[in-house]
Amino acid sequence: MTEVRKYYLVSDLATGQGVDHLDAYSKFRPVTGDGECFYRSFIFSYLEQVLDRHDTHEEHRLLDALKRVSVQHADLRWTSEFPRSYRVFKKLIKKVKRWKRHGRWKWNSIASTSSYRKEKLLEFFRSYDTTEDILTFLRLVVAIWICSHGKQYEPRIPGLDRRYSLKDWCFQHVTPSRQYADHVMMTALAEALEVPLRVEQLNGGPAQDIYTGPGPGIPHVSVTLLYTGNHYDVLYPHAPPTESSSQQIS
């Protein structure tokens, strides 16, 4: 993909094969690298696709999934920022619904409607001040999911014992802001939200299907990210939204 090659100054010599393995994708969106790039890339890509849908089925499905996470949080009996950040996230989903309605009302053409929606989303994500609570919420979702599924996740995390529990690990490595997200955390977020996630490698390694969905025959919005070695950007499969995706999100 020419965009990726130019942005990262990738040569065929540097990677052994260039970026030809990314030809299945038409565009990519660079994301600010500040320790939050995975969470920001994931939720931006997800919401961008939600905005393209004419109905609100996906928004309701997501909120239902988060209700289950909220119950798990209550069962864990944690004192955390989850209740407050959960309210902030639900307000964002309401904004998404409003942008969809206003876009249809304000513009006659499909292209203009889509552009209006995406500009609203970009505007929201340009500032860390407006997204900090959203990123905090996603990190807490990951921690809650991991600790609520201990039998599944404990074997994946080395160093746990009676003095260093799964909760201790989450509060040290997951919930603090700007902490790097590893494979365990990515899996937990995708599973909790039931959003299929694929990660492509800049260096030409095999793509990883982190989570493929709750079951066959259930269509979901899916997220594809580009991993560069220490950073994540958004990838767009062919037949993407019509407007340019070259703007960076903060």
C-alpha atoms as a PDB file:
ATOM      1  CA  MET A   1       0.000   0.000   0.000  1.00  0.00           C
ATOM      2  CA  THR A   2       1.550   3.263  -1.141  1.00  0.00           C
ATOM      3  CA  GLU A   3       0.229   5.312   1.802  1.00  0.00           C
ATOM      4  CA  VAL A   4       1.852   3.026   4.366  1.00  0.00           C
ATOM      5  CA  ARG A   5       5.110   2.829   2.409  1.00  0.00           C
ATOM      6  CA  LYS A   6       5.388   6.618   2.238  1.00  0.00           C
ATOM      7  CA  TYR A   7       4.276   7.270   5.818  1.00  0.00           C
ATOM      8  CA  TYR A   8       6.673   4.781   7.396  1.00  0.00           C
ATOM      9  CA  LEU A   9       9.365   5.115   4.698  1.00  0.00           C
ATOM     10  CA  VAL A  10       9.161   1.372   4.154  1.00  0.00           C
ATOM     11  CA  SER A  11      11.375  -0.183   1.512  1.00  0.00           C
ATOM     12  CA  ASP A  12      11.269  -3.735   0.216  1.00  0.00           C
ATOM     13  CA  LEU A  13      14.791  -4.170   1.558  1.00  0.00           C
ATOM     14  CA  ALA A  14      13.780  -3.121   5.087  1.00  0.00           C
ATOM     15  CA  THR A  15      10.961  -5.645   5.455  1.00  0.00           C
ATOM     16  CA  GLY A  16      12.094  -8.333   3.075  1.00  0.00           C
ATOM     17  CA  GLN A  17       8.933  -8.031   0.988  1.00  0.00           C
ATOM     18  CA  GLY A  18       7.723  -4.456   1.259  1.00  0.00           C
ATOM     19  CA  VAL A  19       4.070  -3.973   2.114  1.00  0.00           C
ATOM     20  CA  ASP A  20       2.516  -5.961  -0.716  1.00  0.00           C
ATOM     21  CA  HIS A  21       0.749  -8.093   1.878  1.00  0.00           C
ATOM     22  CA  LEU A  22      -1.384  -5.012   2.635  1.00  0.00           C
ATOM     23  CA  ASP A  23      -2.835  -4.817  -0.874  1.00  0.00           C
ATOM     24  CA  ALA A  24      -6.115  -6.146   0.526  1.00  0.00           C
ATOM     25  CA  TYR A  25      -6.514  -2.707   2.116  1.00  0.00           C
ATOM     26  CA  SER A  26      -7.130   0.554   0.347  1.00  0.00           C
ATOM     27  CA  LYS A  27      -6.289   3.121   3.014  1.00  0.00           C
ATOM     28  CA  PHE A  28      -4.906   3.562   6.475  1.00  0.00           C
ATOM     29  CA  ARG A  29      -5.321   6.195   9.154  1.00  0.00           C
ATOM     30  CA  PRO A  30      -2.292   7.135  11.265  1.00  0.00           C
ATOM     31  CA  VAL A  31      -2.997   7.477  14.966  1.00  0.00           C
ATOM     32  CA  THR A  32      -1.041   9.460  17.537  1.00  0.00           C
ATOM     33  CA  GLY A  33       1.470   7.320  19.430  1.00  0.00           C
ATOM     34  CA  ASP A  34       1.083   8.165  23.099  1.00  0.00           C
ATOM     35  CA  GLY A  35       0.508   4.797  24.747  1.00  0.00           C
ATOM     36  CA  GLU A  36      -3.206   4.896  23.926  1.00  0.00           C
ATOM     37  CA  CYS A  37      -2.904   4.058  20.232  1.00  0.00           C
ATOM     38  CA  PHE A  38      -4.514   0.611  20.451  1.00  0.00           C
ATOM     39  CA  TYR A  39      -7.575   1.749  22.385  1.00  0.00           C
ATOM     40  CA  ARG A  40      -7.944   4.909  20.297  1.00  0.00           C
ATOM     41  CA  SER A  41      -7.536   3.059  16.997  1.00  0.00           C
ATOM     42  CA  PHE A  42      -9.954   0.329  18.029  1.00  0.00           C
ATOM     43  CA  ILE A  43     -12.812   2.522  19.193  1.00  0.00           C
ATOM     44  CA  PHE A  44     -12.394   5.091  16.403  1.00  0.00           C
ATOM     45  CA  SER A  45     -12.471   2.429  13.698  1.00  0.00           C
ATOM     46  CA  TYR A  46     -15.466   0.791  15.329  1.00  0.00           C
ATOM     47  CA  LEU A  47     -17.491   3.997  15.687  1.00  0.00           C
ATOM     48  CA  GLU A  48     -16.580   5.152  12.194  1.00  0.00           C
ATOM     49  CA  GLN A  49     -18.212   2.024  10.811  1.00  0.00           C
ATOM     50  CA  VAL A  50     -21.207   2.389  13.115  1.00  0.00           C
ATOM     51  CA  LEU A  51     -21.738   5.843  11.627  1.00  0.00           C
ATOM     52  CA  ASP A  52     -21.954   4.279   8.166  1.00  0.00           C
ATOM     53  CA  ARG A  53     -24.876   2.087   9.184  1.00  0.00           C
ATOM     54  CA  HIS A  54     -28.367   3.461   8.608  1.00  0.00           C
ATOM     55  CA  ASP A  55     -29.964   1.694  11.573  1.00  0.00           C
ATOM     56  CA  THR A  56     -29.009   1.687  15.261  1.00  0.00           C
ATOM     57  CA  HIS A  57     -28.912  -2.079  15.765  1.00  0.00           C
ATOM     58  CA  GLU A  58     -25.170  -2.068  16.388  1.00  0.00           C
ATOM     59  CA  GLU A  59     -25.403   0.670  19.009  1.00  0.00           C
ATOM     60  CA  HIS A  60     -28.043  -1.308  20.900  1.00  0.00           C
ATOM     61  CA  ARG A  61     -26.012  -4.507  20.600  1.00  0.00           C
ATOM     62  CA  LEU A  62     -22.943  -2.762  22.017  1.00  0.00           C
ATOM     63  CA  LEU A  63     -24.882  -1.278  24.931  1.00  0.00           C
ATOM     64  CA  ASP A  64     -26.310  -4.708  25.743  1.00  0.00           C
ATOM     65  CA  ALA A  65     -22.783  -6.134  25.845  1.00  0.00           C
ATOM     66  CA  LEU A  66     -21.698  -3.328  28.157  1.00  0.00           C
ATOM     67  CA  LYS A  67     -24.604  -3.988  30.504  1.00  0.00           C
ATOM     68  CA  ARG A  68     -23.124  -7.439  31.063  1.00  0.00           C
ATOM     69  CA  VAL A  69     -19.733  -5.874  31.788  1.00  0.00           C
ATOM     70  CA  SER A  70     -21.411  -3.533  34.281  1.00  0.00           C
ATOM     71  CA  VAL A  71     -22.902  -6.527  36.102  1.00  0.00           C
ATOM     72  CA  GLN A  72     -19.463  -8.130  36.212  1.00  0.00           C
ATOM     73  CA  HIS A  73     -18.027  -4.932  37.696  1.00  0.00           C
ATOM     74  CA  ALA A  74     -20.662  -5.022  40.424  1.00  0.00           C
ATOM     75  CA  ASP A  75     -19.859  -8.676  41.135  1.00  0.00           C
ATOM     76  CA  LEU A  76     -16.167  -7.830  41.534  1.00  0.00           C
ATOM     77  CA  ARG A  77     -17.074  -5.173  44.140  1.00  0.00           C
ATOM     78  CA  TRP A  78     -14.432  -2.787  42.886  1.00  0.00           C
ATOM     79  CA  THR A  79     -14.242   0.877  43.782  1.00  0.00           C
ATOM     80  CA  SER A  80     -13.227   2.362  40.455  1.00  0.00           C
ATOM     81  CA  GLU A  81     -13.937   4.982  37.823  1.00  0.00           C
ATOM     82  CA  PHE A  82     -16.112   2.533  35.913  1.00  0.00           C
ATOM     83  CA  PRO A  83     -19.572   3.981  36.805  1.00  0.00           C
ATOM     84  CA  ARG A  84     -18.564   7.515  35.844  1.00  0.00           C
ATOM     85  CA  SER A  85     -16.679   6.587  32.686  1.00  0.00           C
ATOM     86  CA  TYR A  86     -19.524   4.237  31.698  1.00  0.00           C
ATOM     87  CA  ARG A  87     -21.902   7.204  31.748  1.00  0.00           C
ATOM     88  CA  VAL A  88     -19.477   9.203  29.602  1.00  0.00           C
ATOM     89  CA  PHE A  89     -19.246   6.371  27.084  1.00  0.00           C
ATOM     90  CA  LYS A  90     -23.024   6.063  26.843  1.00  0.00           C
ATOM     91  CA  LYS A  91     -23.183   9.798  26.167  1.00  0.00           C
ATOM     92  CA  LEU A  92     -20.768   9.287  23.276  1.00  0.00           C
ATOM     93  CA  ILE A  93     -23.035   6.608  21.816  1.00  0.00           C
ATOM     94  CA  LYS A  94     -25.945   9.050  22.078  1.00  0.00           C
ATOM     95  CA  LYS A  95     -23.845  11.580  20.173  1.00  0.00           C
ATOM     96  CA  VAL A  96     -23.169   9.003  17.479  1.00  0.00           C
ATOM     97  CA  LYS A  97     -26.904   8.432  17.077  1.00  0.00           C
ATOM     98  CA  ARG A  98     -27.495  12.183  16.937  1.00  0.00           C
ATOM     99  CA  TRP A  99     -24.791  12.693  14.303  1.00  0.00           C
ATOM    100  CA  LYS A 100     -26.476  10.047  12.193  1.00  0.00           C
ATOM    101  CA  ARG A 101     -29.884  11.726  12.497  1.00  0.00           C
ATOM    102  CA  HIS A 102     -28.600  15.247  11.897  1.00  0.00           C
ATOM    103  CA  GLY A 103     -26.509  14.124   8.960  1.00  0.00           C
ATOM    104  CA  ARG A 104     -29.585  12.733   7.219  1.00  0.00           C
ATOM    105  CA  TRP A 105     -31.548  15.884   7.962  1.00  0.00           C
ATOM    106  CA  LYS A 106     -28.832  18.403   7.077  1.00  0.00           C
ATOM    107  CA  TRP A 107     -27.533  16.944   3.826  1.00  0.00           C
ATOM    108  CA  ASN A 108     -29.322  15.542   0.829  1.00  0.00           C
ATOM    109  CA  SER A 109     -26.480  13.503  -0.679  1.00  0.00           C
ATOM    110  CA  ILE A 110     -25.124  10.296   0.834  1.00  0.00           C
ATOM    111  CA  ALA A 111     -21.528  11.524   0.477  1.00  0.00           C
ATOM    112  CA  SER A 112     -22.252  14.782   2.327  1.00  0.00           C
ATOM    113  CA  THR A 113     -24.097  12.935   5.084  1.00  0.00           C
ATOM    114  CA  SER A 114     -21.200  10.532   5.589  1.00  0.00           C
ATOM    115  CA  SER A 115     -18.674  13.372   5.548  1.00  0.00           C
ATOM    116  CA  TYR A 116     -20.638  15.296   8.185  1.00  0.00           C
ATOM    117  CA  ARG A 117     -20.724  12.275  10.496  1.00  0.00           C
ATOM    118  CA  LYS A 118     -17.026  11.528  10.115  1.00  0.00           C
ATOM    119  CA  GLU A 119     -16.040  15.143  10.734  1.00  0.00           C
ATOM    120  CA  LYS A 120     -17.982  15.079  13.992  1.00  0.00           C
ATOM    121  CA  LEU A 121     -16.192  11.905  15.043  1.00  0.00           C
ATOM    122  CA  LEU A 122     -12.789  13.309  14.055  1.00  0.00           C
ATOM    123  CA  GLU A 123     -13.505  16.495  15.965  1.00  0.00           C
ATOM    124  CA  PHE A 124     -14.286  14.473  19.086  1.00  0.00           C
ATOM    125  CA  PHE A 125     -11.122  12.378  18.805  1.00  0.00           C
ATOM    126  CA  ARG A 126      -8.734  15.234  18.022  1.00  0.00           C
ATOM    127  CA  SER A 127      -8.391  16.161  21.691  1.00  0.00           C
ATOM    128  CA  TYR A 128      -7.146  13.964  24.524  1.00  0.00           C
ATOM    129  CA  ASP A 129      -9.342  16.014  26.860  1.00  0.00           C
ATOM    130  CA  THR A 130     -12.520  14.754  25.182  1.00  0.00           C
ATOM    131  CA  THR A 131     -11.331  11.164  24.824  1.00  0.00           C
ATOM    132  CA  GLU A 132      -9.548  10.585  28.137  1.00  0.00           C
ATOM    133  CA  ASP A 133     -12.673   9.252  29.864  1.00  0.00           C
ATOM    134  CA  ILE A 134     -13.450   7.016  26.879  1.00  0.00           C
ATOM    135  CA  LEU A 135      -9.965   5.500  26.977  1.00  0.00           C
ATOM    136  CA  THR A 136     -10.215   5.084  30.757  1.00  0.00           C
ATOM    137  CA  PHE A 137     -13.505   3.268  30.268  1.00  0.00           C
ATOM    138  CA  LEU A 138     -12.078   0.877  27.681  1.00  0.00           C
ATOM    139  CA  ARG A 139      -9.155   0.032  29.947  1.00  0.00           C
ATOM    140  CA  LEU A 140     -11.561  -0.710  32.795  1.00  0.00           C
ATOM    141  CA  VAL A 141     -13.660  -2.905  30.509  1.00  0.00           C
ATOM    142  CA  VAL A 142     -10.511  -4.903  29.763  1.00  0.00           C
ATOM    143  CA  ALA A 143      -9.641  -5.263  33.455  1.00  0.00           C
ATOM    144  CA  ILE A 144     -13.188  -6.276  34.387  1.00  0.00           C
ATOM    145  CA  TRP A 145     -13.364  -8.840  31.599  1.00  0.00           C
ATOM    146  CA  ILE A 146      -9.998 -10.380  32.482  1.00  0.00           C
ATOM    147  CA  CYS A 147     -10.778 -10.619  36.196  1.00  0.00           C
ATOM    148  CA  SER A 148     -14.256 -12.004  35.490  1.00  0.00           C
ATOM    149  CA  HIS A 149     -12.749 -14.742  33.304  1.00  0.00           C
ATOM    150  CA  GLY A 150      -9.801 -15.697  35.467  1.00  0.00           C
ATOM    151  CA  LYS A 151      -9.638 -19.334  34.398  1.00  0.00           C
ATOM    152  CA  GLN A 152      -9.253 -18.215  30.790  1.00  0.00           C
ATOM    153  CA  TYR A 153      -6.712 -15.447  31.363  1.00  0.00           C
ATOM    154  CA  GLU A 154      -4.561 -16.510  34.318  1.00  0.00           C
ATOM    155  CA  PRO A 155      -2.568 -19.065  32.268  1.00  0.00           C
ATOM    156  CA  ARG A 156      -1.675 -16.303  29.786  1.00  0.00           C
ATOM    157  CA  ILE A 157      -0.117 -14.006  32.379  1.00  0.00           C
ATOM    158  CA  PRO A 158       3.216 -15.044  33.930  1.00  0.00           C
ATOM    159  CA  GLY A 159       4.177 -14.214  37.496  1.00  0.00           C
ATOM    160  CA  LEU A 160       0.783 -14.508  39.155  1.00  0.00           C
ATOM    161  CA  ASP A 161       0.670 -16.057  42.631  1.00  0.00           C
ATOM    162  CA  ARG A 162      -1.030 -15.617  45.993  1.00  0.00           C
ATOM    163  CA  ARG A 163       0.783 -12.343  46.571  1.00  0.00           C
ATOM    164  CA  TYR A 164       0.282 -10.988  43.053  1.00  0.00           C
ATOM    165  CA  SER A 165      -3.245 -11.585  41.835  1.00  0.00           C
ATOM    166  CA  LEU A 166      -4.956 -11.060  38.508  1.00  0.00           C
ATOM    167  CA  LYS A 167      -6.508  -7.903  39.935  1.00  0.00           C
ATOM    168  CA  ASP A 168      -3.065  -6.643  40.992  1.00  0.00           C
ATOM    169  CA  TRP A 169      -1.762  -7.255  37.481  1.00  0.00           C
ATOM    170  CA  CYS A 170      -4.704  -5.432  35.885  1.00  0.00           C
ATOM    171  CA  PHE A 171      -4.364  -2.416  38.135  1.00  0.00           C
ATOM    172  CA  GLN A 172      -0.650  -2.242  37.377  1.00  0.00           C
ATOM    173  CA  HIS A 173      -0.625  -2.965  33.637  1.00  0.00           C
ATOM    174  CA  VAL A 174      -4.131  -2.347  32.265  1.00  0.00           C
ATOM    175  CA  THR A 175      -5.982   0.483  33.971  1.00  0.00           C
ATOM    176  CA  PRO A 176      -3.231   3.150  34.201  1.00  0.00           C
ATOM    177  CA  SER A 177      -3.346   5.540  31.262  1.00  0.00           C
ATOM    178  CA  ARG A 178      -0.812   5.332  28.435  1.00  0.00           C
ATOM    179  CA  GLN A 179       0.146   1.758  29.269  1.00  0.00           C
ATOM    180  CA  TYR A 180       0.963  -0.367  26.226  1.00  0.00           C
ATOM    181  CA  ALA A 181      -1.719  -2.899  25.247  1.00  0.00           C
ATOM    182  CA  ASP A 182      -0.537  -6.449  24.619  1.00  0.00           C
ATOM    183  CA  HIS A 183      -2.269  -9.440  23.030  1.00  0.00           C
ATOM    184  CA  VAL A 184      -4.058 -10.338  26.282  1.00  0.00           C
ATOM    185  CA  MET A 185      -5.619  -6.896  26.612  1.00  0.00           C
ATOM    186  CA  MET A 186      -6.593  -6.737  22.949  1.00  0.00           C
ATOM    187  CA  THR A 187      -8.325 -10.101  23.217  1.00  0.00           C
ATOM    188  CA  ALA A 188     -10.196  -9.055  26.346  1.00  0.00           C
ATOM    189  CA  LEU A 189     -11.536  -5.841  24.812  1.00  0.00           C
ATOM    190  CA  ALA A 190     -12.660  -7.525  21.600  1.00  0.00           C
ATOM    191  CA  GLU A 191     -14.343 -10.339  23.525  1.00  0.00           C
ATOM    192  CA  ALA A 192     -16.050  -7.999  25.984  1.00  0.00           C
ATOM    193  CA  LEU A 193     -17.500  -5.809  23.225  1.00  0.00           C
ATOM    194  CA  GLU A 194     -17.983  -8.761  20.834  1.00  0.00           C
ATOM    195  CA  VAL A 195     -16.192  -6.871  18.059  1.00  0.00           C
ATOM    196  CA  PRO A 196     -14.093  -9.002  15.675  1.00  0.00           C
ATOM    197  CA  LEU A 197     -10.496  -7.802  15.583  1.00  0.00           C
ATOM    198  CA  ARG A 198      -7.714  -8.497  13.088  1.00  0.00           C
ATOM    199  CA  VAL A 199      -4.157  -7.170  13.364  1.00  0.00           C
ATOM    200  CA  GLU A 200      -1.892  -6.939  10.316  1.00  0.00           C
ATOM    201  CA  GLN A 201       1.890  -6.705  10.684  1.00  0.00           C
ATOM    202  CA  LEU A 202       3.898  -3.966   8.972  1.00  0.00           C
ATOM    203  CA  ASN A 203       6.901  -6.285   8.718  1.00  0.00           C
ATOM    204  CA  GLY A 204       4.998  -8.818   6.647  1.00  0.00           C
ATOM    205  CA  GLY A 205       4.278 -11.349   9.367  1.00  0.00           C
ATOM    206  CA  PRO A 206       0.994 -13.273   9.316  1.00  0.00           C
ATOM    207  CA  ALA A 207      -2.184 -11.434  10.234  1.00  0.00           C
ATOM    208  CA  GLN A 208      -3.631 -12.251  13.650  1.00  0.00           C
ATOM    209  CA  ASP A 209      -7.342 -12.788  14.101  1.00  0.00           C
ATOM    210  CA  ILE A 210      -7.500 -11.746  17.740  1.00  0.00           C
ATOM    211  CA  TYR A 211     -11.240 -12.364  17.966  1.00  0.00           C
ATOM    212  CA  THR A 212     -13.535 -13.611  15.223  1.00  0.00           C
ATOM    213  CA  GLY A 213     -16.950 -13.027  16.793  1.00  0.00           C
ATOM    214  CA  PRO A 214     -19.434 -14.761  19.090  1.00  0.00           C
ATOM    215  CA  GLY A 215     -20.520 -17.291  16.490  1.00  0.00           C
ATOM    216  CA  PRO A 216     -21.075 -18.011  12.801  1.00  0.00           C
ATOM    217  CA  GLY A 217     -23.772 -16.198  10.904  1.00  0.00           C
ATOM    218  CA  ILE A 218     -23.801 -13.178  13.214  1.00  0.00           C
ATOM    219  CA  PRO A 219     -22.755 -10.063  11.226  1.00  0.00           C
ATOM    220  CA  HIS A 220     -20.808  -7.545  13.265  1.00  0.00           C
ATOM    221  CA  VAL A 221     -18.782  -4.444  12.684  1.00  0.00           C
ATOM    222  CA  SER A 222     -15.154  -5.590  12.608  1.00  0.00           C
ATOM    223  CA  VAL A 223     -11.922  -3.707  13.263  1.00  0.00           C
ATOM    224  CA  THR A 224      -8.611  -4.125  11.433  1.00  0.00           C
ATOM    225  CA  LEU A 225      -5.446  -2.498  12.766  1.00  0.00           C
ATOM    226  CA  LEU A 226      -1.872  -2.206  11.508  1.00  0.00           C
ATOM    227  CA  TYR A 227       0.860  -3.098  14.007  1.00  0.00           C
ATOM    228  CA  THR A 228       4.229  -1.477  13.302  1.00  0.00           C
ATOM    229  CA  GLY A 229       6.253  -3.026  16.121  1.00  0.00           C
ATOM    230  CA  ASN A 230       5.243  -0.685  18.927  1.00  0.00           C
ATOM    231  CA  HIS A 231       2.249   1.168  17.532  1.00  0.00           C
ATOM    232  CA  TYR A 232      -1.227   0.670  16.044  1.00  0.00           C
ATOM    233  CA  ASP A 233      -2.953   2.463  13.159  1.00  0.00           C
ATOM    234  CA  VAL A 234      -6.319   1.890  11.459  1.00  0.00           C
ATOM    235  CA  LEU A 235      -6.568  -0.119   8.239  1.00  0.00           C
ATOM    236  CA  TYR A 236      -9.444   0.108   5.763  1.00  0.00           C
ATOM    237  CA  PRO A 237     -10.335  -2.936   3.654  1.00  0.00           C
ATOM    238  CA  HIS A 238     -11.325  -2.306   0.045  1.00  0.00           C
ATOM    239  CA  ALA A 239     -14.735  -0.680  -0.468  1.00  0.00           C
ATOM    240  CA  PRO A 240     -14.111   1.748   2.431  1.00  0.00           C
ATOM    241  CA  PRO A 241     -15.956   5.003   3.233  1.00  0.00           C
ATOM    242  CA  THR A 242     -15.748   7.351   0.260  1.00  0.00           C
ATOM    243  CA  GLU A 243     -14.025  10.280   1.920  1.00  0.00           C
ATOM    244  CA  SER A 244     -10.284  10.540   2.484  1.00  0.00           C
ATOM    245  CA  SER A 245      -8.887   8.796   5.526  1.00  0.00           C
ATOM    246  CA  SER A 246      -5.535  10.571   5.633  1.00  0.00           C
ATOM    247  CA  GLN A 247      -6.204  12.799   8.639  1.00  0.00           C
ATOM    248  CA  GLN A 248      -4.500  11.850  11.884  1.00  0.00           C
ATOM    249  CA  ILE A 249      -6.497  11.438  15.065  1.00  0.00           C
ATOM    250  CA  SER A 250      -5.017  12.638  18.326  1.00  0.00           C
END
